[in-house]
Amino acid sequence: MNDTDMNVLYREHAKVVYNFLLKMCQDPHLAEDLMQDTFLKAMGKIDTFDGKCKLTTWLCQIAKNTYYDHLRKQRKFTDTEVVLDELSGDELTPEQEVLSKETAKEIRMYIHQLPEPYKEVFLLRFYAELAFREIGQMFGKSEVWGRVTYLRSKDMLIERMESKGKEV
């Protein structure tokens, strides 16, 4: 891909990628930086684009991974923080904190065991807080599809966690 092609690609898709990242990170400056990183990565990987999905979907996948990499580097995004945020907000005892960390590890394991597209939809909805309409669009589907797929992924997680509890 030459520079002209890359400029066209950027002009046609930058706004969508930026809005996607802004929705995820809620920070215009960070979204701009991540968008630039996304297009740099896309330039290096353009030969791996196989056309099985829309180019926008492919770019948003790269953007999502770029954002997650950023969060891991900043140590702002851990499953433990998600679990702790979900708790009442009261000060945790050391025992509760250990249990929360263990629960977070289990939840993460179950999420990664979900089949596609359920895993991806769950991550986009729960962590990136995307609307069902946006999720559906990323997959070339409807808002209803995004909603149903997310609900099914939650049901799968609950079922797996409950069956694990029965085994113990």
C-alpha atoms as a PDB file:
ATOM      1  CA  MET A   1       0.000   0.000   0.000  1.00  0.00           C
ATOM      2  CA  ASN A   2       1.468   3.317  -1.026  1.00  0.00           C
ATOM      3  CA  ASP A   3       1.207   6.622   0.832  1.00  0.00           C
ATOM      4  CA  THR A   4      -1.715   7.818  -1.291  1.00  0.00           C
ATOM      5  CA  ASP A   5      -3.718   4.666  -0.541  1.00  0.00           C
ATOM      6  CA  MET A   6      -2.953   5.025   3.149  1.00  0.00           C
ATOM      7  CA  ASN A   7      -4.075   8.651   3.127  1.00  0.00           C
ATOM      8  CA  VAL A   8      -7.350   7.637   1.506  1.00  0.00           C
ATOM      9  CA  LEU A   9      -7.793   4.844   4.043  1.00  0.00           C
ATOM     10  CA  TYR A  10      -7.125   7.298   6.857  1.00  0.00           C
ATOM     11  CA  ARG A  11      -9.511   9.962   5.535  1.00  0.00           C
ATOM     12  CA  GLU A  12     -12.302   7.428   5.008  1.00  0.00           C
ATOM     13  CA  HIS A  13     -12.023   5.646   8.360  1.00  0.00           C
ATOM     14  CA  ALA A  14     -10.325   7.950  10.870  1.00  0.00           C
ATOM     15  CA  LYS A  15     -13.555   9.456  12.195  1.00  0.00           C
ATOM     16  CA  VAL A  16     -15.131   6.048  12.861  1.00  0.00           C
ATOM     17  CA  VAL A  17     -11.990   4.744  14.574  1.00  0.00           C
ATOM     18  CA  TYR A  18     -11.644   7.931  16.621  1.00  0.00           C
ATOM     19  CA  ASN A  19     -15.282   7.814  17.761  1.00  0.00           C
ATOM     20  CA  PHE A  20     -14.914   4.134  18.636  1.00  0.00           C
ATOM     21  CA  LEU A  21     -11.827   4.848  20.756  1.00  0.00           C
ATOM     22  CA  LEU A  22     -13.389   7.939  22.324  1.00  0.00           C
ATOM     23  CA  LYS A  23     -16.363   5.833  23.393  1.00  0.00           C
ATOM     24  CA  MET A  24     -13.981   3.348  24.996  1.00  0.00           C
ATOM     25  CA  CYS A  25     -11.580   5.717  26.750  1.00  0.00           C
ATOM     26  CA  GLN A  26     -13.674   8.887  27.254  1.00  0.00           C
ATOM     27  CA  ASP A  27     -10.559  11.004  26.664  1.00  0.00           C
ATOM     28  CA  PRO A  28     -10.273  12.982  23.403  1.00  0.00           C
ATOM     29  CA  HIS A  29      -6.491  13.343  23.592  1.00  0.00           C
ATOM     30  CA  LEU A  30      -5.938   9.671  24.340  1.00  0.00           C
ATOM     31  CA  ALA A  31      -8.398   8.683  21.601  1.00  0.00           C
ATOM     32  CA  GLU A  32      -6.415  10.796  19.126  1.00  0.00           C
ATOM     33  CA  ASP A  33      -3.105   9.197  20.163  1.00  0.00           C
ATOM     34  CA  LEU A  34      -4.579   5.706  20.045  1.00  0.00           C
ATOM     35  CA  MET A  35      -6.094   6.395  16.636  1.00  0.00           C
ATOM     36  CA  GLN A  36      -2.672   7.356  15.295  1.00  0.00           C
ATOM     37  CA  ASP A  37      -1.181   4.171  16.770  1.00  0.00           C
ATOM     38  CA  THR A  38      -4.017   2.155  15.260  1.00  0.00           C
ATOM     39  CA  PHE A  39      -3.331   3.426  11.754  1.00  0.00           C
ATOM     40  CA  LEU A  40       0.407   2.871  12.168  1.00  0.00           C
ATOM     41  CA  LYS A  41      -0.286  -0.746  13.157  1.00  0.00           C
ATOM     42  CA  ALA A  42      -2.782  -1.117  10.310  1.00  0.00           C
ATOM     43  CA  MET A  43      -0.160   0.078   7.808  1.00  0.00           C
ATOM     44  CA  GLY A  44       2.186  -2.632   9.004  1.00  0.00           C
ATOM     45  CA  LYS A  45      -0.504  -5.317   8.908  1.00  0.00           C
ATOM     46  CA  ILE A  46      -2.511  -4.325   5.830  1.00  0.00           C
ATOM     47  CA  ASP A  47      -1.305  -7.431   3.986  1.00  0.00           C
ATOM     48  CA  THR A  48      -3.051  -9.566   6.644  1.00  0.00           C
ATOM     49  CA  PHE A  49      -6.454  -8.038   5.888  1.00  0.00           C
ATOM     50  CA  ASP A  50      -8.320 -10.851   4.154  1.00  0.00           C
ATOM     51  CA  GLY A  51     -11.589  -9.076   3.382  1.00  0.00           C
ATOM     52  CA  LYS A  52     -13.731 -11.448   5.469  1.00  0.00           C
ATOM     53  CA  CYS A  53     -15.048  -8.447   7.406  1.00  0.00           C
ATOM     54  CA  LYS A  54     -15.467  -4.766   6.700  1.00  0.00           C
ATOM     55  CA  LEU A  55     -12.304  -2.707   6.734  1.00  0.00           C
ATOM     56  CA  THR A  56     -13.845  -0.552   9.468  1.00  0.00           C
ATOM     57  CA  THR A  57     -14.408  -3.639  11.629  1.00  0.00           C
ATOM     58  CA  TRP A  58     -10.812  -4.711  11.111  1.00  0.00           C
ATOM     59  CA  LEU A  59      -9.532  -1.243  12.035  1.00  0.00           C
ATOM     60  CA  CYS A  60     -11.741  -1.121  15.145  1.00  0.00           C
ATOM     61  CA  GLN A  61     -10.363  -4.492  16.225  1.00  0.00           C
ATOM     62  CA  ILE A  62      -6.842  -3.096  15.941  1.00  0.00           C
ATOM     63  CA  ALA A  63      -7.994   0.029  17.814  1.00  0.00           C
ATOM     64  CA  LYS A  64      -9.551  -2.045  20.593  1.00  0.00           C
ATOM     65  CA  ASN A  65      -6.353  -4.077  21.003  1.00  0.00           C
ATOM     66  CA  THR A  66      -4.288  -0.891  20.962  1.00  0.00           C
ATOM     67  CA  TYR A  67      -6.473   0.543  23.727  1.00  0.00           C
ATOM     68  CA  TYR A  68      -6.228  -2.632  25.819  1.00  0.00           C
ATOM     69  CA  ASP A  69      -2.439  -2.625  25.380  1.00  0.00           C
ATOM     70  CA  HIS A  70      -2.376   0.982  26.574  1.00  0.00           C
ATOM     71  CA  LEU A  71      -4.430   0.113  29.637  1.00  0.00           C
ATOM     72  CA  ARG A  72      -2.240  -2.844  30.507  1.00  0.00           C
ATOM     73  CA  LYS A  73       0.835  -0.640  30.229  1.00  0.00           C
ATOM     74  CA  GLN A  74      -0.742   1.985  32.453  1.00  0.00           C
ATOM     75  CA  ARG A  75      -1.899  -0.706  34.894  1.00  0.00           C
ATOM     76  CA  LYS A  76      -5.293   1.000  34.979  1.00  0.00           C
ATOM     77  CA  PHE A  77      -7.220  -1.984  33.739  1.00  0.00           C
ATOM     78  CA  THR A  78      -7.357  -5.145  35.768  1.00  0.00           C
ATOM     79  CA  ASP A  79     -10.134  -7.614  36.358  1.00  0.00           C
ATOM     80  CA  THR A  80      -9.651  -7.053  40.081  1.00  0.00           C
ATOM     81  CA  GLU A  81     -10.524  -3.376  39.710  1.00  0.00           C
ATOM     82  CA  VAL A  82     -13.705  -4.314  37.852  1.00  0.00           C
ATOM     83  CA  VAL A  83     -14.778  -6.659  40.644  1.00  0.00           C
ATOM     84  CA  LEU A  84     -13.866  -4.156  43.347  1.00  0.00           C
ATOM     85  CA  ASP A  85     -15.805  -1.410  41.572  1.00  0.00           C
ATOM     86  CA  GLU A  86     -18.831  -3.676  41.470  1.00  0.00           C
ATOM     87  CA  LEU A  87     -18.729  -4.137  45.234  1.00  0.00           C
ATOM     88  CA  SER A  88     -20.463  -1.775  47.601  1.00  0.00           C
ATOM     89  CA  GLY A  89     -17.676   0.755  47.854  1.00  0.00           C
ATOM     90  CA  ASP A  90     -17.208   0.058  51.561  1.00  0.00           C
ATOM     91  CA  GLU A  91     -13.682  -0.537  52.817  1.00  0.00           C
ATOM     92  CA  LEU A  92     -12.748  -4.170  52.159  1.00  0.00           C
ATOM     93  CA  THR A  93     -11.238  -6.426  54.756  1.00  0.00           C
ATOM     94  CA  PRO A  94      -8.068  -8.282  53.692  1.00  0.00           C
ATOM     95  CA  GLU A  95     -10.131 -11.478  53.406  1.00  0.00           C
ATOM     96  CA  GLN A  96     -12.679  -9.788  51.107  1.00  0.00           C
ATOM     97  CA  GLU A  97      -9.893  -8.356  48.969  1.00  0.00           C
ATOM     98  CA  VAL A  98      -8.308 -11.809  48.506  1.00  0.00           C
ATOM     99  CA  LEU A  99     -11.706 -13.289  47.616  1.00  0.00           C
ATOM    100  CA  SER A 100     -12.343 -10.459  45.160  1.00  0.00           C
ATOM    101  CA  LYS A 101      -9.017 -11.091  43.433  1.00  0.00           C
ATOM    102  CA  GLU A 102      -9.770 -14.807  43.189  1.00  0.00           C
ATOM    103  CA  THR A 103     -13.246 -14.086  41.835  1.00  0.00           C
ATOM    104  CA  ALA A 104     -11.782 -11.712  39.259  1.00  0.00           C
ATOM    105  CA  LYS A 105      -9.358 -14.404  38.064  1.00  0.00           C
ATOM    106  CA  GLU A 106     -12.211 -16.885  37.731  1.00  0.00           C
ATOM    107  CA  ILE A 107     -14.381 -14.405  35.843  1.00  0.00           C
ATOM    108  CA  ARG A 108     -11.518 -13.631  33.486  1.00  0.00           C
ATOM    109  CA  MET A 109     -10.973 -17.337  32.856  1.00  0.00           C
ATOM    110  CA  TYR A 110     -14.663 -17.863  32.079  1.00  0.00           C
ATOM    111  CA  ILE A 111     -14.781 -14.864  29.772  1.00  0.00           C
ATOM    112  CA  HIS A 112     -11.813 -16.163  27.772  1.00  0.00           C
ATOM    113  CA  GLN A 113     -13.494 -19.568  27.462  1.00  0.00           C
ATOM    114  CA  LEU A 114     -16.564 -18.099  25.764  1.00  0.00           C
ATOM    115  CA  PRO A 115     -16.824 -18.961  22.081  1.00  0.00           C
ATOM    116  CA  GLU A 116     -16.738 -16.201  19.492  1.00  0.00           C
ATOM    117  CA  PRO A 117     -18.614 -13.933  18.891  1.00  0.00           C
ATOM    118  CA  TYR A 118     -19.939 -14.121  22.474  1.00  0.00           C
ATOM    119  CA  LYS A 119     -16.570 -13.330  24.063  1.00  0.00           C
ATOM    120  CA  GLU A 120     -15.966 -10.324  21.822  1.00  0.00           C
ATOM    121  CA  VAL A 121     -19.498  -8.958  22.279  1.00  0.00           C
ATOM    122  CA  PHE A 122     -19.276  -9.349  26.061  1.00  0.00           C
ATOM    123  CA  LEU A 123     -15.939  -7.510  26.178  1.00  0.00           C
ATOM    124  CA  LEU A 124     -17.188  -4.720  23.931  1.00  0.00           C
ATOM    125  CA  ARG A 125     -20.351  -4.205  25.979  1.00  0.00           C
ATOM    126  CA  PHE A 126     -19.015  -4.724  29.518  1.00  0.00           C
ATOM    127  CA  TYR A 127     -15.549  -3.197  29.319  1.00  0.00           C
ATOM    128  CA  ALA A 128     -15.826  -0.780  26.393  1.00  0.00           C
ATOM    129  CA  GLU A 129     -19.438   0.108  27.270  1.00  0.00           C
ATOM    130  CA  LEU A 130     -20.458   0.216  23.626  1.00  0.00           C
ATOM    131  CA  ALA A 131     -24.118   0.489  22.721  1.00  0.00           C
ATOM    132  CA  PHE A 132     -25.787  -2.585  21.244  1.00  0.00           C
ATOM    133  CA  ARG A 133     -26.267  -0.668  17.997  1.00  0.00           C
ATOM    134  CA  GLU A 134     -22.517  -0.055  17.747  1.00  0.00           C
ATOM    135  CA  ILE A 135     -21.719  -3.669  18.542  1.00  0.00           C
ATOM    136  CA  GLY A 136     -24.144  -4.880  15.907  1.00  0.00           C
ATOM    137  CA  GLN A 137     -22.619  -2.505  13.356  1.00  0.00           C
ATOM    138  CA  MET A 138     -19.112  -3.774  14.098  1.00  0.00           C
ATOM    139  CA  PHE A 139     -20.247  -7.277  13.188  1.00  0.00           C
ATOM    140  CA  GLY A 140     -22.423  -6.177  10.273  1.00  0.00           C
ATOM    141  CA  LYS A 141     -25.520  -7.164  12.243  1.00  0.00           C
ATOM    142  CA  SER A 142     -28.463  -5.441  13.895  1.00  0.00           C
ATOM    143  CA  GLU A 143     -28.828  -3.819  17.298  1.00  0.00           C
ATOM    144  CA  VAL A 144     -31.097  -6.711  18.314  1.00  0.00           C
ATOM    145  CA  TRP A 145     -28.355  -9.174  17.372  1.00  0.00           C
ATOM    146  CA  GLY A 146     -25.903  -7.266  19.611  1.00  0.00           C
ATOM    147  CA  ARG A 147     -28.354  -7.292  22.508  1.00  0.00           C
ATOM    148  CA  VAL A 148     -29.249 -10.988  22.154  1.00  0.00           C
ATOM    149  CA  THR A 149     -25.629 -12.049  21.731  1.00  0.00           C
ATOM    150  CA  TYR A 150     -24.610 -10.098  24.850  1.00  0.00           C
ATOM    151  CA  LEU A 151     -27.442 -11.594  26.916  1.00  0.00           C
ATOM    152  CA  ARG A 152     -26.500 -15.088  25.731  1.00  0.00           C
ATOM    153  CA  SER A 153     -22.859 -14.470  26.673  1.00  0.00           C
ATOM    154  CA  LYS A 154     -23.946 -13.381  30.170  1.00  0.00           C
ATOM    155  CA  ASP A 155     -26.094 -16.503  30.479  1.00  0.00           C
ATOM    156  CA  MET A 156     -23.131 -18.667  29.432  1.00  0.00           C
ATOM    157  CA  LEU A 157     -20.915 -17.006  32.049  1.00  0.00           C
ATOM    158  CA  ILE A 158     -23.502 -17.463  34.783  1.00  0.00           C
ATOM    159  CA  GLU A 159     -24.061 -21.086  33.814  1.00  0.00           C
ATOM    160  CA  ARG A 160     -20.326 -21.830  33.845  1.00  0.00           C
ATOM    161  CA  MET A 161     -19.852 -20.123  37.191  1.00  0.00           C
ATOM    162  CA  GLU A 162     -22.831 -21.911  38.736  1.00  0.00           C
ATOM    163  CA  SER A 163     -21.680 -25.303  37.437  1.00  0.00           C
ATOM    164  CA  LYS A 164     -18.207 -24.615  38.901  1.00  0.00           C
ATOM    165  CA  GLY A 165     -19.831 -23.848  42.271  1.00  0.00           C
ATOM    166  CA  LYS A 166     -21.682 -27.175  42.232  1.00  0.00           C
ATOM    167  CA  GLU A 167     -18.470 -29.104  41.590  1.00  0.00           C
ATOM    168  CA  VAL A 168     -16.719 -27.689  44.639  1.00  0.00           C
END
